[in-house]
Amino acid sequence: MEYFTIAQRELVLAFKLVGVDGAVALNRKEALDAFNRVTGHGGENALPVDERPKVLILSEDVSAMLEQEVLAWQKSARFPLIVEIPPLNGHLQGKKSLTDSIREAVGISV
């Protein structure tokens, strides 16, 4: 498995249409259970190492629910790489779009 998504139902279904597996997370417990299973911290429920994704796609709302865990994972520099996408209702307040981040880093408009 190369990709896995944790998001609201509609996003997970959309990704499944293109062959990306995922888990629906509507609250912190569901999000944390799915995150731990995919990253290998789920104990008995953890995916075997060879079945873990290389890229974990989180919606911004799920990422906000797991802020401390996501930050710790990113600092560990291990796979899966975590990528955030906006939820169906658009970017969360205070979140920058990818274009905004590139503009800020490079100093030019893309």
N, C-alpha and C. Protein backbone atom coordinates (compact mmCIF):
# COMPACT_ATOMS: atom_id res chain seq x y z
N MET A 1 0.85 -1.17 0.00
CA MET A 1 0.00 0.00 0.00
C MET A 1 0.90 1.24 0.00
N GLU A 2 0.68 2.09 -0.95
CA GLU A 2 1.50 3.30 -1.07
C GLU A 2 0.88 4.49 -0.36
N TYR A 3 -0.46 4.58 -0.38
CA TYR A 3 -1.16 5.73 0.17
C TYR A 3 -2.27 5.25 1.10
N PHE A 4 -2.61 6.09 2.06
CA PHE A 4 -3.72 5.83 2.96
C PHE A 4 -4.26 7.18 3.38
N THR A 5 -5.57 7.29 3.52
CA THR A 5 -6.16 8.57 3.93
C THR A 5 -7.00 8.41 5.17
N ILE A 6 -6.96 9.42 6.01
CA ILE A 6 -7.83 9.50 7.19
C ILE A 6 -8.54 10.84 7.09
N ALA A 7 -9.85 10.78 6.94
CA ALA A 7 -10.62 12.00 6.70
C ALA A 7 -12.10 11.73 6.94
N GLN A 8 -12.91 12.71 6.58
CA GLN A 8 -14.35 12.53 6.68
C GLN A 8 -14.82 11.56 5.60
N ARG A 9 -16.00 11.03 5.76
CA ARG A 9 -16.54 9.96 4.93
C ARG A 9 -16.44 10.23 3.43
N GLU A 10 -16.86 11.40 3.00
CA GLU A 10 -16.90 11.71 1.57
C GLU A 10 -15.51 11.71 0.94
N LEU A 11 -14.52 12.24 1.67
CA LEU A 11 -13.15 12.25 1.14
C LEU A 11 -12.58 10.84 1.06
N VAL A 12 -12.85 10.03 2.08
CA VAL A 12 -12.36 8.65 2.06
C VAL A 12 -12.98 7.90 0.88
N LEU A 13 -14.28 8.10 0.64
CA LEU A 13 -14.93 7.45 -0.49
C LEU A 13 -14.35 7.93 -1.82
N ALA A 14 -14.09 9.21 -1.94
CA ALA A 14 -13.50 9.75 -3.17
C ALA A 14 -12.13 9.14 -3.43
N PHE A 15 -11.32 9.01 -2.41
CA PHE A 15 -10.00 8.41 -2.58
C PHE A 15 -10.12 6.92 -2.91
N LYS A 16 -11.11 6.24 -2.33
CA LYS A 16 -11.30 4.82 -2.64
C LYS A 16 -11.65 4.61 -4.11
N LEU A 17 -12.32 5.58 -4.71
CA LEU A 17 -12.66 5.48 -6.13
C LEU A 17 -11.42 5.42 -7.02
N VAL A 18 -10.32 5.98 -6.56
CA VAL A 18 -9.07 5.94 -7.33
C VAL A 18 -8.07 4.94 -6.74
N GLY A 19 -8.56 4.06 -5.86
CA GLY A 19 -7.73 2.97 -5.36
C GLY A 19 -6.94 3.24 -4.10
N VAL A 20 -7.23 4.34 -3.41
CA VAL A 20 -6.52 4.65 -2.17
C VAL A 20 -7.39 4.25 -0.99
N ASP A 21 -6.87 3.37 -0.15
CA ASP A 21 -7.61 2.91 1.02
C ASP A 21 -7.64 4.01 2.07
N GLY A 22 -8.56 3.92 3.02
CA GLY A 22 -8.64 4.94 4.04
C GLY A 22 -9.52 4.56 5.19
N ALA A 23 -9.58 5.45 6.16
CA ALA A 23 -10.42 5.27 7.35
C ALA A 23 -11.17 6.56 7.62
N VAL A 24 -12.43 6.42 7.96
CA VAL A 24 -13.26 7.57 8.30
C VAL A 24 -12.99 7.93 9.76
N ALA A 25 -12.79 9.22 10.02
CA ALA A 25 -12.56 9.70 11.39
C ALA A 25 -13.42 10.92 11.63
N LEU A 26 -14.39 10.76 12.51
CA LEU A 26 -15.28 11.87 12.84
C LEU A 26 -14.98 12.48 14.20
N ASN A 27 -14.12 11.81 14.97
CA ASN A 27 -13.74 12.34 16.28
C ASN A 27 -12.29 11.93 16.57
N ARG A 28 -11.76 12.45 17.66
CA ARG A 28 -10.35 12.20 17.99
C ARG A 28 -10.05 10.72 18.19
N LYS A 29 -10.94 9.99 18.85
CA LYS A 29 -10.69 8.57 19.10
C LYS A 29 -10.56 7.79 17.80
N GLU A 30 -11.48 8.01 16.86
CA GLU A 30 -11.41 7.33 15.57
C GLU A 30 -10.15 7.73 14.81
N ALA A 31 -9.82 9.01 14.85
CA ALA A 31 -8.62 9.49 14.16
C ALA A 31 -7.36 8.89 14.77
N LEU A 32 -7.28 8.87 16.09
CA LEU A 32 -6.10 8.34 16.77
C LEU A 32 -5.96 6.83 16.54
N ASP A 33 -7.08 6.10 16.58
CA ASP A 33 -7.03 4.66 16.32
C ASP A 33 -6.49 4.37 14.91
N ALA A 34 -7.00 5.09 13.93
CA ALA A 34 -6.55 4.89 12.54
C ALA A 34 -5.09 5.30 12.39
N PHE A 35 -4.70 6.43 12.97
CA PHE A 35 -3.31 6.91 12.89
C PHE A 35 -2.36 5.89 13.50
N ASN A 36 -2.70 5.39 14.68
CA ASN A 36 -1.84 4.42 15.35
C ASN A 36 -1.74 3.11 14.57
N ARG A 37 -2.85 2.68 13.97
CA ARG A 37 -2.84 1.44 13.18
C ARG A 37 -1.92 1.58 11.97
N VAL A 38 -1.99 2.73 11.30
CA VAL A 38 -1.21 2.94 10.08
C VAL A 38 0.27 3.17 10.37
N THR A 39 0.57 3.85 11.47
CA THR A 39 1.97 4.15 11.79
C THR A 39 2.67 3.04 12.58
N GLY A 40 1.91 2.04 13.00
CA GLY A 40 2.52 0.92 13.70
C GLY A 40 2.47 1.02 15.21
N HIS A 41 1.78 2.04 15.73
CA HIS A 41 1.67 2.20 17.18
C HIS A 41 0.38 1.60 17.72
N GLY A 42 -0.32 0.84 16.92
CA GLY A 42 -1.63 0.31 17.30
C GLY A 42 -1.60 -1.01 18.01
N GLY A 43 -0.43 -1.45 18.45
CA GLY A 43 -0.34 -2.73 19.15
C GLY A 43 -0.76 -3.88 18.23
N GLU A 44 -1.72 -4.67 18.67
CA GLU A 44 -2.20 -5.81 17.89
C GLU A 44 -2.86 -5.38 16.58
N ASN A 45 -3.46 -4.19 16.58
CA ASN A 45 -4.18 -3.71 15.41
C ASN A 45 -3.28 -3.02 14.38
N ALA A 46 -2.01 -2.86 14.69
CA ALA A 46 -1.09 -2.16 13.78
C ALA A 46 -0.90 -2.97 12.50
N LEU A 47 -0.78 -2.25 11.40
CA LEU A 47 -0.50 -2.90 10.13
C LEU A 47 0.91 -3.47 10.15
N PRO A 48 1.13 -4.62 9.51
CA PRO A 48 2.49 -5.13 9.39
C PRO A 48 3.36 -4.13 8.63
N VAL A 49 4.64 -4.13 8.90
CA VAL A 49 5.56 -3.15 8.32
C VAL A 49 5.46 -3.12 6.80
N ASP A 50 5.38 -4.26 6.16
CA ASP A 50 5.35 -4.30 4.70
C ASP A 50 4.02 -3.83 4.11
N GLU A 51 2.99 -3.65 4.94
CA GLU A 51 1.69 -3.18 4.47
C GLU A 51 1.43 -1.71 4.82
N ARG A 52 2.36 -1.06 5.50
CA ARG A 52 2.17 0.34 5.89
C ARG A 52 2.36 1.25 4.68
N PRO A 53 1.58 2.33 4.63
CA PRO A 53 1.68 3.23 3.48
C PRO A 53 2.96 4.07 3.54
N LYS A 54 3.34 4.58 2.39
CA LYS A 54 4.48 5.50 2.30
C LYS A 54 4.02 6.94 2.49
N VAL A 55 2.74 7.22 2.14
CA VAL A 55 2.17 8.55 2.28
C VAL A 55 0.84 8.44 3.01
N LEU A 56 0.70 9.21 4.08
CA LEU A 56 -0.54 9.26 4.84
C LEU A 56 -1.20 10.60 4.57
N ILE A 57 -2.39 10.58 4.01
CA ILE A 57 -3.12 11.80 3.66
C ILE A 57 -4.14 12.07 4.76
N LEU A 58 -3.99 13.20 5.44
CA LEU A 58 -4.92 13.60 6.49
C LEU A 58 -5.66 14.85 6.06
N SER A 59 -6.95 14.90 6.34
CA SER A 59 -7.66 16.16 6.13
C SER A 59 -7.22 17.11 7.25
N GLU A 60 -7.33 18.40 7.01
CA GLU A 60 -6.87 19.38 8.00
C GLU A 60 -7.60 19.24 9.33
N ASP A 61 -8.88 18.88 9.29
CA ASP A 61 -9.62 18.72 10.55
C ASP A 61 -9.11 17.51 11.34
N VAL A 62 -8.76 16.43 10.67
CA VAL A 62 -8.19 15.27 11.35
C VAL A 62 -6.80 15.62 11.89
N SER A 63 -6.03 16.33 11.10
CA SER A 63 -4.70 16.75 11.54
C SER A 63 -4.79 17.64 12.78
N ALA A 64 -5.80 18.48 12.84
CA ALA A 64 -6.00 19.34 14.02
C ALA A 64 -6.35 18.50 15.24
N MET A 65 -7.11 17.41 15.05
CA MET A 65 -7.46 16.52 16.17
C MET A 65 -6.23 15.81 16.71
N LEU A 66 -5.26 15.57 15.84
CA LEU A 66 -4.06 14.80 16.20
C LEU A 66 -2.81 15.66 16.18
N GLU A 67 -2.96 16.92 16.50
CA GLU A 67 -1.86 17.88 16.35
C GLU A 67 -0.56 17.41 17.00
N GLN A 68 -0.60 16.98 18.25
CA GLN A 68 0.62 16.57 18.96
C GLN A 68 1.22 15.31 18.35
N GLU A 69 0.38 14.34 18.01
CA GLU A 69 0.87 13.09 17.43
C GLU A 69 1.49 13.32 16.05
N VAL A 70 0.84 14.15 15.25
CA VAL A 70 1.35 14.45 13.91
C VAL A 70 2.69 15.17 14.00
N LEU A 71 2.79 16.15 14.87
CA LEU A 71 4.04 16.89 15.04
C LEU A 71 5.17 15.96 15.49
N ALA A 72 4.89 15.10 16.46
CA ALA A 72 5.91 14.15 16.93
C ALA A 72 6.32 13.20 15.80
N TRP A 73 5.35 12.75 15.01
CA TRP A 73 5.67 11.84 13.90
C TRP A 73 6.54 12.54 12.86
N GLN A 74 6.20 13.77 12.52
CA GLN A 74 6.96 14.50 11.51
C GLN A 74 8.39 14.75 11.99
N LYS A 75 8.56 15.01 13.27
CA LYS A 75 9.90 15.23 13.82
C LYS A 75 10.73 13.95 13.81
N SER A 76 10.08 12.79 13.84
CA SER A 76 10.81 11.52 13.86
C SER A 76 11.39 11.18 12.49
N ALA A 77 10.90 11.84 11.44
CA ALA A 77 11.41 11.66 10.07
C ALA A 77 11.31 10.22 9.59
N ARG A 78 10.19 9.57 9.91
CA ARG A 78 9.96 8.20 9.45
C ARG A 78 8.79 8.17 8.48
N PHE A 79 8.68 7.08 7.75
CA PHE A 79 7.53 6.89 6.89
C PHE A 79 6.37 6.40 7.73
N PRO A 80 5.16 6.77 7.41
CA PRO A 80 4.72 7.47 6.20
C PRO A 80 4.90 8.98 6.30
N LEU A 81 5.09 9.57 5.13
CA LEU A 81 5.11 11.01 5.01
C LEU A 81 3.67 11.49 5.21
N ILE A 82 3.46 12.53 5.99
CA ILE A 82 2.11 13.03 6.25
C ILE A 82 1.84 14.25 5.38
N VAL A 83 0.74 14.19 4.64
CA VAL A 83 0.31 15.27 3.77
C VAL A 83 -1.08 15.71 4.22
N GLU A 84 -1.26 17.01 4.38
CA GLU A 84 -2.57 17.54 4.78
C GLU A 84 -3.30 18.08 3.56
N ILE A 85 -4.61 17.80 3.50
CA ILE A 85 -5.46 18.34 2.44
C ILE A 85 -6.64 19.04 3.10
N PRO A 86 -7.22 20.04 2.45
CA PRO A 86 -8.38 20.70 3.04
C PRO A 86 -9.59 19.78 3.05
N PRO A 87 -10.45 19.91 4.06
CA PRO A 87 -11.68 19.13 4.07
C PRO A 87 -12.65 19.67 3.02
N LEU A 88 -13.80 19.04 2.91
CA LEU A 88 -14.77 19.42 1.89
C LEU A 88 -15.23 20.87 2.00
N ASN A 89 -15.29 21.40 3.20
CA ASN A 89 -15.78 22.77 3.38
C ASN A 89 -14.68 23.82 3.27
N GLY A 90 -13.52 23.46 2.73
CA GLY A 90 -12.44 24.43 2.52
C GLY A 90 -11.42 24.42 3.64
N HIS A 91 -10.40 25.25 3.47
CA HIS A 91 -9.33 25.33 4.46
C HIS A 91 -9.86 25.76 5.82
N LEU A 92 -9.25 25.22 6.87
CA LEU A 92 -9.58 25.65 8.22
C LEU A 92 -9.03 27.04 8.45
N GLN A 93 -9.66 27.78 9.31
CA GLN A 93 -9.21 29.13 9.63
C GLN A 93 -7.77 29.10 10.11
N GLY A 94 -6.93 29.93 9.51
CA GLY A 94 -5.54 30.02 9.91
C GLY A 94 -4.60 29.09 9.17
N LYS A 95 -5.11 28.17 8.38
CA LYS A 95 -4.27 27.26 7.60
C LYS A 95 -3.93 27.91 6.27
N LYS A 96 -2.67 27.75 5.85
CA LYS A 96 -2.24 28.30 4.56
C LYS A 96 -2.43 27.25 3.47
N SER A 97 -2.74 27.73 2.29
CA SER A 97 -2.82 26.82 1.15
C SER A 97 -1.40 26.50 0.69
N LEU A 98 -1.27 25.47 -0.14
CA LEU A 98 0.04 25.11 -0.67
C LEU A 98 0.64 26.27 -1.46
N THR A 99 -0.20 26.94 -2.25
CA THR A 99 0.28 28.08 -3.04
C THR A 99 0.81 29.19 -2.13
N ASP A 100 0.10 29.47 -1.04
CA ASP A 100 0.56 30.49 -0.09
C ASP A 100 1.90 30.11 0.54
N SER A 101 2.05 28.84 0.87
CA SER A 101 3.30 28.38 1.47
C SER A 101 4.47 28.50 0.50
N ILE A 102 4.23 28.14 -0.77
CA ILE A 102 5.28 28.26 -1.78
C ILE A 102 5.64 29.72 -1.99
N ARG A 103 4.63 30.56 -2.08
CA ARG A 103 4.85 32.01 -2.28
C ARG A 103 5.69 32.57 -1.13
N GLU A 104 5.39 32.15 0.09
CA GLU A 104 6.12 32.63 1.25
C GLU A 104 7.56 32.11 1.25
N ALA A 105 7.77 30.86 0.89
CA ALA A 105 9.10 30.26 0.91
C ALA A 105 10.00 30.78 -0.21
N VAL A 106 9.42 30.92 -1.41
CA VAL A 106 10.21 31.29 -2.58
C VAL A 106 10.25 32.80 -2.79
N GLY A 107 9.17 33.45 -2.41
CA GLY A 107 9.11 34.89 -2.57
C GLY A 107 8.55 35.33 -3.91
N ILE A 108 8.01 34.38 -4.67
CA ILE A 108 7.39 34.74 -5.94
C ILE A 108 6.03 34.06 -6.04
N SER A 109 5.19 34.61 -6.87
CA SER A 109 3.87 34.03 -7.07
C SER A 109 3.92 32.96 -8.13
N VAL A 110 3.27 31.83 -7.84
CA VAL A 110 3.23 30.72 -8.81
C VAL A 110 1.89 30.64 -9.47
